[in-house]
Amino acid sequence: MAENAASSLPVVDLRAYLSGDPAAKRGVLATLLRSLEEWGFLVLDGHGLDAASVAATFARTQALFALPHGSKAACAVPESLGNRGYVGFGGEKALGAKVSDLKEFWHVGQELVPATREDAYLPNVWPGEETLPGFRAHMLGIYTQFEELAATVLHAIEEALGVERDHFASMIVEGNSVLRLIHYPPLPGDAPAGALRAAAHEDINLITLLVEGTSGGLELLRSDGTWMPVSSLAGQVIVNVGDMLQRATNGRLRSTTHRVSNPREVTSARFSMPFFVHPRPSVRLEPLVSPGQSARFASITAGDFLTERLTAIRTPEKLPRP
């Protein structure tokens, strides 16, 4: 498989995985497993996300964050721990960080179709149709595309690890996955010392899917303690392992520390839209233990693990709005 020259991460083509060619599939699975064990990150080609839909999502995201602060703040849902609607600038702090991240964001979650899920998920909050026509319909459409891609990637991970089909993919059916629309505004002049667009952290979820941002800044922490820039070319998707999948594989797949560094040009804004792939809250994260191995992680439900982590990273202290 090819290497991404910009990031030094392996690139795999999902079309080869889905082609029906056994040799091509074996090559994809070997590279995927090696990359997720070594780096916790992977770059995908041939993922099937519609390029026009992705471009339209960025355009609608920019329109969303251009709304007056009051219009956005009216869509905040504090009781959901930020899992639905708007979270204002400075509303999140990485676990262990001293200052809040320099960003604002909006979450789109699972729609409440099955009645059995109503006790688990609060409703999505949407800007008025008169304010952003077609926003809700578009975001639910791209959400579905991300969900379908997530299932395909999890099936590939299952095959690469040699576990039964749907071991991981079944966890995300009606799951608590979140599309996060992020605005990193130009750097405020009064930002606290050491504040970053996104401080060093590990993702909470199973996997994250990330299309290219509007500018660079994503970096992962190498094992030698240095930071490596990570980028994807237009039309590629970055995949990274989250803490839930690290637990569920007993640490075989790495949840790697990463961050979004500040740009040299302080007047530059950045938009990004990671899709955080989560199980249903009731799913138990049981480590896969090989014969002779001990479990490195205790069993816990995905809902309990998520609540613990979100409680730790949400902060009531807000930075001044940029």
C-alpha atoms as a PDB file:
ATOM      1  CA  MET A   1       0.000   0.000   0.000  1.00  0.00           C
ATOM      2  CA  ALA A   2       1.049   3.600  -0.584  1.00  0.00           C
ATOM      3  CA  GLU A   3       2.384   5.987   2.027  1.00  0.00           C
ATOM      4  CA  ASN A   4       0.908   9.451   2.464  1.00  0.00           C
ATOM      5  CA  ALA A   5       3.890  11.712   1.826  1.00  0.00           C
ATOM      6  CA  ALA A   6       2.443  14.466   3.999  1.00  0.00           C
ATOM      7  CA  SER A   7       1.912  12.330   7.077  1.00  0.00           C
ATOM      8  CA  SER A   8       4.046   9.175   6.638  1.00  0.00           C
ATOM      9  CA  LEU A   9       0.975   7.114   7.495  1.00  0.00           C
ATOM     10  CA  PRO A  10      -0.019   4.109   5.375  1.00  0.00           C
ATOM     11  CA  VAL A  11      -2.846   4.696   2.897  1.00  0.00           C
ATOM     12  CA  VAL A  12      -5.252   1.872   2.104  1.00  0.00           C
ATOM     13  CA  ASP A  13      -7.919   1.809  -0.588  1.00  0.00           C
ATOM     14  CA  LEU A  14     -11.227   0.435   0.654  1.00  0.00           C
ATOM     15  CA  ARG A  15     -12.167  -0.417  -2.918  1.00  0.00           C
ATOM     16  CA  ALA A  16      -9.481  -3.117  -2.829  1.00  0.00           C
ATOM     17  CA  TYR A  17     -10.948  -4.452   0.432  1.00  0.00           C
ATOM     18  CA  LEU A  18     -14.428  -4.607  -1.133  1.00  0.00           C
ATOM     19  CA  SER A  19     -13.300  -5.834  -4.558  1.00  0.00           C
ATOM     20  CA  GLY A  20     -13.685  -9.538  -3.916  1.00  0.00           C
ATOM     21  CA  ASP A  21     -10.044 -10.151  -4.806  1.00  0.00           C
ATOM     22  CA  PRO A  22      -8.640 -12.252  -1.914  1.00  0.00           C
ATOM     23  CA  ALA A  23      -5.048 -11.095  -2.432  1.00  0.00           C
ATOM     24  CA  ALA A  24      -6.065  -7.436  -2.555  1.00  0.00           C
ATOM     25  CA  LYS A  25      -8.142  -7.858   0.609  1.00  0.00           C
ATOM     26  CA  ARG A  26      -5.278  -9.541   2.459  1.00  0.00           C
ATOM     27  CA  GLY A  27      -2.976  -6.670   1.547  1.00  0.00           C
ATOM     28  CA  VAL A  28      -5.442  -4.081   2.849  1.00  0.00           C
ATOM     29  CA  LEU A  29      -6.038  -5.961   6.103  1.00  0.00           C
ATOM     30  CA  ALA A  30      -2.338  -6.453   6.771  1.00  0.00           C
ATOM     31  CA  THR A  31      -1.602  -2.754   6.261  1.00  0.00           C
ATOM     32  CA  LEU A  32      -4.629  -1.674   8.277  1.00  0.00           C
ATOM     33  CA  LEU A  33      -3.653  -3.837  11.242  1.00  0.00           C
ATOM     34  CA  ARG A  34      -0.016  -2.782  11.138  1.00  0.00           C
ATOM     35  CA  SER A  35      -0.922   0.901  11.010  1.00  0.00           C
ATOM     36  CA  LEU A  36      -3.476   0.764  13.826  1.00  0.00           C
ATOM     37  CA  GLU A  37      -1.137  -1.263  16.036  1.00  0.00           C
ATOM     38  CA  GLU A  38       1.853   0.984  15.370  1.00  0.00           C
ATOM     39  CA  TRP A  39       0.295   4.414  14.964  1.00  0.00           C
ATOM     40  CA  GLY A  40      -3.360   4.172  15.976  1.00  0.00           C
ATOM     41  CA  PHE A  41      -3.994   6.119  12.751  1.00  0.00           C
ATOM     42  CA  LEU A  42      -4.655   5.213   9.116  1.00  0.00           C
ATOM     43  CA  VAL A  43      -5.498   7.083   5.891  1.00  0.00           C
ATOM     44  CA  LEU A  44      -8.296   5.812   3.617  1.00  0.00           C
ATOM     45  CA  ASP A  45      -8.840   6.174  -0.110  1.00  0.00           C
ATOM     46  CA  GLY A  46     -11.900   4.871  -1.902  1.00  0.00           C
ATOM     47  CA  HIS A  47     -14.082   5.349   1.161  1.00  0.00           C
ATOM     48  CA  GLY A  48     -17.305   6.192  -0.666  1.00  0.00           C
ATOM     49  CA  LEU A  49     -18.148   9.508   0.996  1.00  0.00           C
ATOM     50  CA  ASP A  50     -19.703  11.783  -1.603  1.00  0.00           C
ATOM     51  CA  ALA A  51     -17.272  14.629  -2.365  1.00  0.00           C
ATOM     52  CA  ALA A  52     -20.049  17.095  -3.152  1.00  0.00           C
ATOM     53  CA  SER A  53     -21.768  16.302   0.157  1.00  0.00           C
ATOM     54  CA  VAL A  54     -18.518  16.845   2.049  1.00  0.00           C
ATOM     55  CA  ALA A  55     -17.946  20.213   0.348  1.00  0.00           C
ATOM     56  CA  ALA A  56     -21.534  21.246   1.077  1.00  0.00           C
ATOM     57  CA  THR A  57     -21.096  20.240   4.726  1.00  0.00           C
ATOM     58  CA  PHE A  58     -18.114  22.559   5.088  1.00  0.00           C
ATOM     59  CA  ALA A  59     -20.079  25.385   3.460  1.00  0.00           C
ATOM     60  CA  ARG A  60     -23.035  24.867   5.786  1.00  0.00           C
ATOM     61  CA  THR A  61     -20.681  24.605   8.780  1.00  0.00           C
ATOM     62  CA  GLN A  62     -19.169  27.986   7.969  1.00  0.00           C
ATOM     63  CA  ALA A  63     -22.670  29.463   7.656  1.00  0.00           C
ATOM     64  CA  LEU A  64     -23.622  27.928  11.008  1.00  0.00           C
ATOM     65  CA  PHE A  65     -20.746  29.488  12.906  1.00  0.00           C
ATOM     66  CA  ALA A  66     -21.284  32.836  11.197  1.00  0.00           C
ATOM     67  CA  LEU A  67     -24.613  33.124  13.047  1.00  0.00           C
ATOM     68  CA  PRO A  68     -24.805  35.638  15.918  1.00  0.00           C
ATOM     69  CA  HIS A  69     -23.587  34.239  19.219  1.00  0.00           C
ATOM     70  CA  GLY A  70     -27.065  34.492  20.743  1.00  0.00           C
ATOM     71  CA  SER A  71     -28.563  32.318  18.020  1.00  0.00           C
ATOM     72  CA  LYS A  72     -25.947  29.624  18.626  1.00  0.00           C
ATOM     73  CA  ALA A  73     -26.099  29.855  22.417  1.00  0.00           C
ATOM     74  CA  ALA A  74     -29.857  29.307  22.303  1.00  0.00           C
ATOM     75  CA  CYS A  75     -29.093  25.828  20.916  1.00  0.00           C
ATOM     76  CA  ALA A  76     -26.820  24.742  23.770  1.00  0.00           C
ATOM     77  CA  VAL A  77     -27.915  21.645  25.730  1.00  0.00           C
ATOM     78  CA  PRO A  78     -25.841  21.596  28.938  1.00  0.00           C
ATOM     79  CA  GLU A  79     -27.628  18.576  30.390  1.00  0.00           C
ATOM     80  CA  SER A  80     -26.434  16.425  27.486  1.00  0.00           C
ATOM     81  CA  LEU A  81     -22.768  17.022  28.390  1.00  0.00           C
ATOM     82  CA  GLY A  82     -22.342  18.609  24.993  1.00  0.00           C
ATOM     83  CA  ASN A  83     -23.594  15.644  22.976  1.00  0.00           C
ATOM     84  CA  ARG A  84     -26.307  17.589  21.191  1.00  0.00           C
ATOM     85  CA  GLY A  85     -26.381  21.124  19.843  1.00  0.00           C
ATOM     86  CA  TYR A  86     -23.917  23.929  20.486  1.00  0.00           C
ATOM     87  CA  VAL A  87     -20.876  24.139  22.794  1.00  0.00           C
ATOM     88  CA  GLY A  88     -19.413  27.630  22.980  1.00  0.00           C
ATOM     89  CA  PHE A  89     -15.849  28.870  22.687  1.00  0.00           C
ATOM     90  CA  GLY A  90     -13.771  27.583  25.602  1.00  0.00           C
ATOM     91  CA  GLY A  91     -16.431  25.038  26.570  1.00  0.00           C
ATOM     92  CA  GLU A  92     -14.160  22.006  26.451  1.00  0.00           C
ATOM     93  CA  LYS A  93     -10.851  21.234  28.117  1.00  0.00           C
ATOM     94  CA  ALA A  94      -8.735  18.185  27.291  1.00  0.00           C
ATOM     95  CA  LEU A  95      -8.313  15.662  30.094  1.00  0.00           C
ATOM     96  CA  GLY A  96      -5.427  16.910  32.237  1.00  0.00           C
ATOM     97  CA  ALA A  97      -5.133  20.256  30.421  1.00  0.00           C
ATOM     98  CA  LYS A  98      -4.888  23.477  32.431  1.00  0.00           C
ATOM     99  CA  VAL A  99      -6.749  25.705  29.953  1.00  0.00           C
ATOM    100  CA  SER A 100      -9.669  25.278  27.584  1.00  0.00           C
ATOM    101  CA  ASP A 101      -9.386  24.601  23.881  1.00  0.00           C
ATOM    102  CA  LEU A 102      -9.636  27.493  21.416  1.00  0.00           C
ATOM    103  CA  LYS A 103     -12.724  26.274  19.569  1.00  0.00           C
ATOM    104  CA  GLU A 104     -16.502  26.190  19.436  1.00  0.00           C
ATOM    105  CA  PHE A 105     -18.450  23.245  18.068  1.00  0.00           C
ATOM    106  CA  TRP A 106     -21.845  21.759  17.257  1.00  0.00           C
ATOM    107  CA  HIS A 107     -22.894  18.130  17.694  1.00  0.00           C
ATOM    108  CA  VAL A 108     -25.291  16.178  15.520  1.00  0.00           C
ATOM    109  CA  GLY A 109     -26.271  12.844  17.059  1.00  0.00           C
ATOM    110  CA  GLN A 110     -28.477   9.860  16.401  1.00  0.00           C
ATOM    111  CA  GLU A 111     -32.054  10.798  15.599  1.00  0.00           C
ATOM    112  CA  LEU A 112     -34.686   9.303  17.881  1.00  0.00           C
ATOM    113  CA  VAL A 113     -36.326   6.774  15.590  1.00  0.00           C
ATOM    114  CA  PRO A 114     -36.589   3.705  17.873  1.00  0.00           C
ATOM    115  CA  ALA A 115     -38.653   4.434  20.977  1.00  0.00           C
ATOM    116  CA  THR A 116     -36.291   2.243  23.001  1.00  0.00           C
ATOM    117  CA  ARG A 117     -33.532   4.817  22.548  1.00  0.00           C
ATOM    118  CA  GLU A 118     -35.437   7.786  23.940  1.00  0.00           C
ATOM    119  CA  ASP A 119     -34.101   7.253  27.463  1.00  0.00           C
ATOM    120  CA  ALA A 120     -30.518   7.247  26.125  1.00  0.00           C
ATOM    121  CA  TYR A 121     -30.366  10.153  23.675  1.00  0.00           C
ATOM    122  CA  LEU A 122     -31.676  13.649  23.989  1.00  0.00           C
ATOM    123  CA  PRO A 123     -33.139  15.130  20.802  1.00  0.00           C
ATOM    124  CA  ASN A 124     -30.884  16.918  18.368  1.00  0.00           C
ATOM    125  CA  VAL A 125     -31.093  20.696  18.483  1.00  0.00           C
ATOM    126  CA  TRP A 126     -31.280  22.493  15.146  1.00  0.00           C
ATOM    127  CA  PRO A 127     -31.070  26.109  14.029  1.00  0.00           C
ATOM    128  CA  GLY A 128     -34.376  27.320  12.643  1.00  0.00           C
ATOM    129  CA  GLU A 129     -35.194  26.326   9.070  1.00  0.00           C
ATOM    130  CA  GLU A 130     -35.705  29.986   8.276  1.00  0.00           C
ATOM    131  CA  THR A 131     -32.177  30.704   9.546  1.00  0.00           C
ATOM    132  CA  LEU A 132     -30.305  27.899   7.757  1.00  0.00           C
ATOM    133  CA  PRO A 133     -32.621  26.293   5.189  1.00  0.00           C
ATOM    134  CA  GLY A 134     -31.941  22.606   4.627  1.00  0.00           C
ATOM    135  CA  PHE A 135     -29.323  22.357   7.404  1.00  0.00           C
ATOM    136  CA  ARG A 136     -31.037  19.539   9.307  1.00  0.00           C
ATOM    137  CA  ALA A 137     -31.744  17.407   6.235  1.00  0.00           C
ATOM    138  CA  HIS A 138     -28.215  17.817   4.929  1.00  0.00           C
ATOM    139  CA  MET A 139     -26.502  16.973   8.221  1.00  0.00           C
ATOM    140  CA  LEU A 140     -28.613  13.862   8.729  1.00  0.00           C
ATOM    141  CA  GLY A 141     -27.714  12.774   5.201  1.00  0.00           C
ATOM    142  CA  ILE A 142     -23.939  13.109   5.702  1.00  0.00           C
ATOM    143  CA  TYR A 143     -24.339  11.499   9.150  1.00  0.00           C
ATOM    144  CA  THR A 144     -25.787   8.401   7.460  1.00  0.00           C
ATOM    145  CA  GLN A 145     -22.869   8.294   5.008  1.00  0.00           C
ATOM    146  CA  PHE A 146     -20.401   8.407   7.898  1.00  0.00           C
ATOM    147  CA  GLU A 147     -22.276   5.644   9.748  1.00  0.00           C
ATOM    148  CA  GLU A 148     -22.116   3.374   6.710  1.00  0.00           C
ATOM    149  CA  LEU A 149     -18.392   4.005   6.283  1.00  0.00           C
ATOM    150  CA  ALA A 150     -17.812   3.349   9.996  1.00  0.00           C
ATOM    151  CA  ALA A 151     -19.484  -0.061   9.738  1.00  0.00           C
ATOM    152  CA  THR A 152     -17.280  -0.974   6.760  1.00  0.00           C
ATOM    153  CA  VAL A 153     -14.107   0.061   8.603  1.00  0.00           C
ATOM    154  CA  LEU A 154     -15.129  -1.895  11.705  1.00  0.00           C
ATOM    155  CA  HIS A 155     -15.804  -4.977   9.579  1.00  0.00           C
ATOM    156  CA  ALA A 156     -12.294  -4.641   8.150  1.00  0.00           C
ATOM    157  CA  ILE A 157     -10.851  -4.343  11.661  1.00  0.00           C
ATOM    158  CA  GLU A 158     -12.759  -7.476  12.701  1.00  0.00           C
ATOM    159  CA  GLU A 159     -11.288  -9.421   9.794  1.00  0.00           C
ATOM    160  CA  ALA A 160      -7.802  -8.083  10.442  1.00  0.00           C
ATOM    161  CA  LEU A 161      -7.986  -9.204  14.082  1.00  0.00           C
ATOM    162  CA  GLY A 162      -9.572 -12.553  13.238  1.00  0.00           C
ATOM    163  CA  VAL A 163     -12.715 -12.045  15.335  1.00  0.00           C
ATOM    164  CA  GLU A 164     -16.242 -12.906  14.280  1.00  0.00           C
ATOM    165  CA  ARG A 165     -18.073 -10.587  11.902  1.00  0.00           C
ATOM    166  CA  ASP A 166     -20.127  -7.879  13.638  1.00  0.00           C
ATOM    167  CA  HIS A 167     -18.179  -8.169  16.891  1.00  0.00           C
ATOM    168  CA  PHE A 168     -17.549  -4.407  16.722  1.00  0.00           C
ATOM    169  CA  ALA A 169     -19.885  -3.266  13.939  1.00  0.00           C
ATOM    170  CA  SER A 170     -22.987  -4.504  15.795  1.00  0.00           C
ATOM    171  CA  MET A 171     -22.085  -2.189  18.691  1.00  0.00           C
ATOM    172  CA  ILE A 172     -22.803   0.943  16.637  1.00  0.00           C
ATOM    173  CA  VAL A 173     -26.268  -0.015  15.377  1.00  0.00           C
ATOM    174  CA  GLU A 174     -28.466   2.795  16.778  1.00  0.00           C
ATOM    175  CA  GLY A 175     -25.288   3.890  18.541  1.00  0.00           C
ATOM    176  CA  ASN A 176     -24.363   7.186  20.132  1.00  0.00           C
ATOM    177  CA  SER A 177     -22.121   8.351  17.265  1.00  0.00           C
ATOM    178  CA  VAL A 178     -21.624  12.095  16.928  1.00  0.00           C
ATOM    179  CA  LEU A 179     -20.807  14.329  13.977  1.00  0.00           C
ATOM    180  CA  ARG A 180     -18.864  17.253  15.434  1.00  0.00           C
ATOM    181  CA  LEU A 181     -18.751  20.454  13.385  1.00  0.00           C
ATOM    182  CA  ILE A 182     -15.810  22.507  14.679  1.00  0.00           C
ATOM    183  CA  HIS A 183     -14.863  26.151  14.228  1.00  0.00           C
ATOM    184  CA  TYR A 184     -11.376  27.176  15.296  1.00  0.00           C
ATOM    185  CA  PRO A 185     -11.566  30.988  15.028  1.00  0.00           C
ATOM    186  CA  PRO A 186      -8.581  33.283  14.498  1.00  0.00           C
ATOM    187  CA  LEU A 187      -6.427  33.170  17.599  1.00  0.00           C
ATOM    188  CA  PRO A 188      -7.631  35.654  20.219  1.00  0.00           C
ATOM    189  CA  GLY A 189      -5.031  38.105  21.452  1.00  0.00           C
ATOM    190  CA  ASP A 190      -5.939  37.400  25.074  1.00  0.00           C
ATOM    191  CA  ALA A 191      -5.719  33.600  24.856  1.00  0.00           C
ATOM    192  CA  PRO A 192      -4.152  32.062  27.984  1.00  0.00           C
ATOM    193  CA  ALA A 193      -0.529  30.999  27.743  1.00  0.00           C
ATOM    194  CA  GLY A 194      -0.268  27.464  26.415  1.00  0.00           C
ATOM    195  CA  ALA A 195      -3.791  27.354  24.992  1.00  0.00           C
ATOM    196  CA  LEU A 196      -4.137  25.313  21.794  1.00  0.00           C
ATOM    197  CA  ARG A 197      -6.900  24.837  19.303  1.00  0.00           C
ATOM    198  CA  ALA A 198      -7.176  21.307  20.710  1.00  0.00           C
ATOM    199  CA  ALA A 199      -4.803  20.272  23.487  1.00  0.00           C
ATOM    200  CA  ALA A 200      -3.188  16.840  23.568  1.00  0.00           C
ATOM    201  CA  HIS A 201      -5.826  14.162  24.100  1.00  0.00           C
ATOM    202  CA  GLU A 202      -7.048  10.711  23.118  1.00  0.00           C
ATOM    203  CA  ASP A 203     -10.488  10.190  21.600  1.00  0.00           C
ATOM    204  CA  ILE A 204     -13.080   8.492  23.789  1.00  0.00           C
ATOM    205  CA  ASN A 205     -14.947   6.487  21.155  1.00  0.00           C
ATOM    206  CA  LEU A 206     -14.324   3.337  19.085  1.00  0.00           C
ATOM    207  CA  ILE A 207     -12.931   5.023  15.973  1.00  0.00           C
ATOM    208  CA  THR A 208     -12.939   8.532  14.539  1.00  0.00           C
ATOM    209  CA  LEU A 209     -13.416   9.352  10.850  1.00  0.00           C
ATOM    210  CA  LEU A 210     -11.980  12.691   9.744  1.00  0.00           C
ATOM    211  CA  VAL A 211     -12.162  14.219   6.279  1.00  0.00           C
ATOM    212  CA  GLU A 212      -9.540  16.799   5.417  1.00  0.00           C
ATOM    213  CA  GLY A 213      -9.902  20.050   7.388  1.00  0.00           C
ATOM    214  CA  THR A 214      -9.851  23.476   5.763  1.00  0.00           C
ATOM    215  CA  SER A 215      -6.252  23.869   6.957  1.00  0.00           C
ATOM    216  CA  GLY A 216      -3.583  21.846   8.755  1.00  0.00           C
ATOM    217  CA  GLY A 217      -2.742  21.528  12.420  1.00  0.00           C
ATOM    218  CA  LEU A 218      -3.513  17.917  13.345  1.00  0.00           C
ATOM    219  CA  GLU A 219      -0.502  16.224  14.948  1.00  0.00           C
ATOM    220  CA  LEU A 220       0.040  12.850  16.622  1.00  0.00           C
ATOM    221  CA  LEU A 221       2.490  12.048  19.385  1.00  0.00           C
ATOM    222  CA  ARG A 222       5.230   9.643  18.330  1.00  0.00           C
ATOM    223  CA  SER A 223       6.593   7.082  20.758  1.00  0.00           C
ATOM    224  CA  ASP A 224       9.800   9.157  21.048  1.00  0.00           C
ATOM    225  CA  GLY A 225       7.811  12.112  22.416  1.00  0.00           C
ATOM    226  CA  THR A 226       7.909  14.259  19.262  1.00  0.00           C
ATOM    227  CA  TRP A 227       4.890  15.507  17.315  1.00  0.00           C
ATOM    228  CA  MET A 228       4.224  14.395  13.733  1.00  0.00           C
ATOM    229  CA  PRO A 229       1.955  16.427  11.426  1.00  0.00           C
ATOM    230  CA  VAL A 230      -0.923  14.351  10.056  1.00  0.00           C
ATOM    231  CA  SER A 231      -2.811  15.357   6.966  1.00  0.00           C
ATOM    232  CA  SER A 232      -4.838  13.784   4.217  1.00  0.00           C
ATOM    233  CA  LEU A 233      -5.055  14.686   0.584  1.00  0.00           C
ATOM    234  CA  ALA A 234      -8.313  15.948  -0.875  1.00  0.00           C
ATOM    235  CA  GLY A 235     -10.781  13.076  -0.929  1.00  0.00           C
ATOM    236  CA  GLN A 236      -9.065  10.998   1.742  1.00  0.00           C
ATOM    237  CA  VAL A 237     -10.288  10.155   5.249  1.00  0.00           C
ATOM    238  CA  ILE A 238      -8.152   9.772   8.374  1.00  0.00           C
ATOM    239  CA  VAL A 239      -9.156   6.976  10.756  1.00  0.00           C
ATOM    240  CA  ASN A 240      -7.923   6.829  14.331  1.00  0.00           C
ATOM    241  CA  VAL A 241      -8.496   4.441  17.207  1.00  0.00           C
ATOM    242  CA  GLY A 242     -10.290   5.711  20.314  1.00  0.00           C
ATOM    243  CA  ASP A 243     -10.065   4.611  23.925  1.00  0.00           C
ATOM    244  CA  MET A 244     -13.134   2.358  23.660  1.00  0.00           C
ATOM    245  CA  LEU A 245     -11.598   0.266  20.878  1.00  0.00           C
ATOM    246  CA  GLN A 246      -8.269   0.209  22.690  1.00  0.00           C
ATOM    247  CA  ARG A 247     -10.079  -1.252  25.721  1.00  0.00           C
ATOM    248  CA  ALA A 248     -12.117  -3.673  23.602  1.00  0.00           C
ATOM    249  CA  THR A 249      -8.944  -5.018  21.916  1.00  0.00           C
ATOM    250  CA  ASN A 250      -7.116  -5.228  25.264  1.00  0.00           C
ATOM    251  CA  GLY A 251      -4.650  -2.600  24.112  1.00  0.00           C
ATOM    252  CA  ARG A 252      -3.655  -4.272  20.857  1.00  0.00           C
ATOM    253  CA  LEU A 253      -4.899  -1.294  18.834  1.00  0.00           C
ATOM    254  CA  ARG A 254      -3.529   2.054  20.023  1.00  0.00           C
ATOM    255  CA  SER A 255      -5.500   5.112  21.054  1.00  0.00           C
ATOM    256  CA  THR A 256      -2.821   7.646  20.210  1.00  0.00           C
ATOM    257  CA  THR A 257      -2.424  11.079  21.772  1.00  0.00           C
ATOM    258  CA  HIS A 258      -2.999  13.860  19.248  1.00  0.00           C
ATOM    259  CA  ARG A 259      -3.678  17.591  19.152  1.00  0.00           C
ATOM    260  CA  VAL A 260      -4.502  20.507  16.873  1.00  0.00           C
ATOM    261  CA  SER A 261      -1.677  23.039  17.022  1.00  0.00           C
ATOM    262  CA  ASN A 262      -2.056  26.775  16.561  1.00  0.00           C
ATOM    263  CA  PRO A 263      -1.374  28.265  13.122  1.00  0.00           C
ATOM    264  CA  ARG A 264       1.423  30.678  12.410  1.00  0.00           C
ATOM    265  CA  GLU A 265      -1.093  33.094  10.916  1.00  0.00           C
ATOM    266  CA  VAL A 266      -3.176  34.173  13.911  1.00  0.00           C
ATOM    267  CA  THR A 267      -5.905  35.573  11.650  1.00  0.00           C
ATOM    268  CA  SER A 268      -6.560  32.185  10.057  1.00  0.00           C
ATOM    269  CA  ALA A 269      -9.742  30.265  10.911  1.00  0.00           C
ATOM    270  CA  ARG A 270     -10.093  26.489  10.567  1.00  0.00           C
ATOM    271  CA  PHE A 271     -13.125  24.242  10.149  1.00  0.00           C
ATOM    272  CA  SER A 272     -13.191  20.506  10.763  1.00  0.00           C
ATOM    273  CA  MET A 273     -15.794  17.742  11.044  1.00  0.00           C
ATOM    274  CA  PRO A 274     -14.739  14.543  12.815  1.00  0.00           C
ATOM    275  CA  PHE A 275     -17.270  11.746  13.104  1.00  0.00           C
ATOM    276  CA  PHE A 276     -16.912  10.044  16.495  1.00  0.00           C
ATOM    277  CA  VAL A 277     -18.125   6.450  16.221  1.00  0.00           C
ATOM    278  CA  HIS A 278     -19.749   5.321  19.474  1.00  0.00           C
ATOM    279  CA  PRO A 279     -21.530   2.138  20.578  1.00  0.00           C
ATOM    280  CA  ARG A 280     -24.967   2.072  22.129  1.00  0.00           C
ATOM    281  CA  PRO A 281     -24.667   3.134  25.786  1.00  0.00           C
ATOM    282  CA  SER A 282     -25.627  -0.350  27.035  1.00  0.00           C
ATOM    283  CA  VAL A 283     -22.801  -2.117  25.157  1.00  0.00           C
ATOM    284  CA  ARG A 284     -20.198  -3.598  27.477  1.00  0.00           C
ATOM    285  CA  LEU A 285     -16.595  -2.934  26.535  1.00  0.00           C
ATOM    286  CA  GLU A 286     -15.134  -6.370  27.261  1.00  0.00           C
ATOM    287  CA  PRO A 287     -11.436  -6.743  26.393  1.00  0.00           C
ATOM    288  CA  LEU A 288     -10.594  -9.415  23.826  1.00  0.00           C
ATOM    289  CA  VAL A 289      -8.196 -11.633  25.762  1.00  0.00           C
ATOM    290  CA  SER A 290      -6.067 -14.265  24.037  1.00  0.00           C
ATOM    291  CA  PRO A 291      -5.208 -17.542  25.804  1.00  0.00           C
ATOM    292  CA  GLY A 292      -2.580 -16.890  28.454  1.00  0.00           C
ATOM    293  CA  GLN A 293      -3.338 -13.160  28.471  1.00  0.00           C
ATOM    294  CA  SER A 294      -4.798 -11.090  31.285  1.00  0.00           C
ATOM    295  CA  ALA A 295      -7.339  -8.330  30.771  1.00  0.00           C
ATOM    296  CA  ARG A 296      -5.639  -4.913  30.934  1.00  0.00           C
ATOM    297  CA  PHE A 297      -8.929  -3.061  31.325  1.00  0.00           C
ATOM    298  CA  ALA A 298     -11.986  -3.576  33.492  1.00  0.00           C
ATOM    299  CA  SER A 299     -15.343  -4.261  31.865  1.00  0.00           C
ATOM    300  CA  ILE A 300     -17.536  -1.150  31.674  1.00  0.00           C
ATOM    301  CA  THR A 301     -20.539  -0.051  29.630  1.00  0.00           C
ATOM    302  CA  ALA A 302     -19.936   2.428  26.845  1.00  0.00           C
ATOM    303  CA  GLY A 303     -22.448   4.794  28.442  1.00  0.00           C
ATOM    304  CA  ASP A 304     -20.698   4.813  31.806  1.00  0.00           C
ATOM    305  CA  PHE A 305     -17.284   5.254  30.214  1.00  0.00           C
ATOM    306  CA  LEU A 306     -18.515   8.144  28.070  1.00  0.00           C
ATOM    307  CA  THR A 307     -20.149   9.887  31.018  1.00  0.00           C
ATOM    308  CA  GLU A 308     -16.983   9.616  33.120  1.00  0.00           C
ATOM    309  CA  ARG A 309     -14.825  11.071  30.377  1.00  0.00           C
ATOM    310  CA  LEU A 310     -17.192  13.861  29.332  1.00  0.00           C
ATOM    311  CA  THR A 311     -17.672  14.939  32.927  1.00  0.00           C
ATOM    312  CA  ALA A 312     -13.900  15.209  33.267  1.00  0.00           C
ATOM    313  CA  ILE A 313     -13.342  17.275  30.114  1.00  0.00           C
ATOM    314  CA  ARG A 314     -16.275  19.679  30.257  1.00  0.00           C
ATOM    315  CA  THR A 315     -15.454  22.886  32.097  1.00  0.00           C
ATOM    316  CA  PRO A 316     -17.802  25.620  33.341  1.00  0.00           C
ATOM    317  CA  GLU A 317     -15.078  28.197  32.766  1.00  0.00           C
ATOM    318  CA  LYS A 318     -15.490  29.916  29.411  1.00  0.00           C
ATOM    319  CA  LEU A 319     -12.812  31.903  27.637  1.00  0.00           C
ATOM    320  CA  PRO A 320     -13.754  35.350  26.319  1.00  0.00           C
ATOM    321  CA  ARG A 321     -15.454  34.987  22.950  1.00  0.00           C
ATOM    322  CA  PRO A 322     -13.115  35.834  20.053  1.00  0.00           C
END
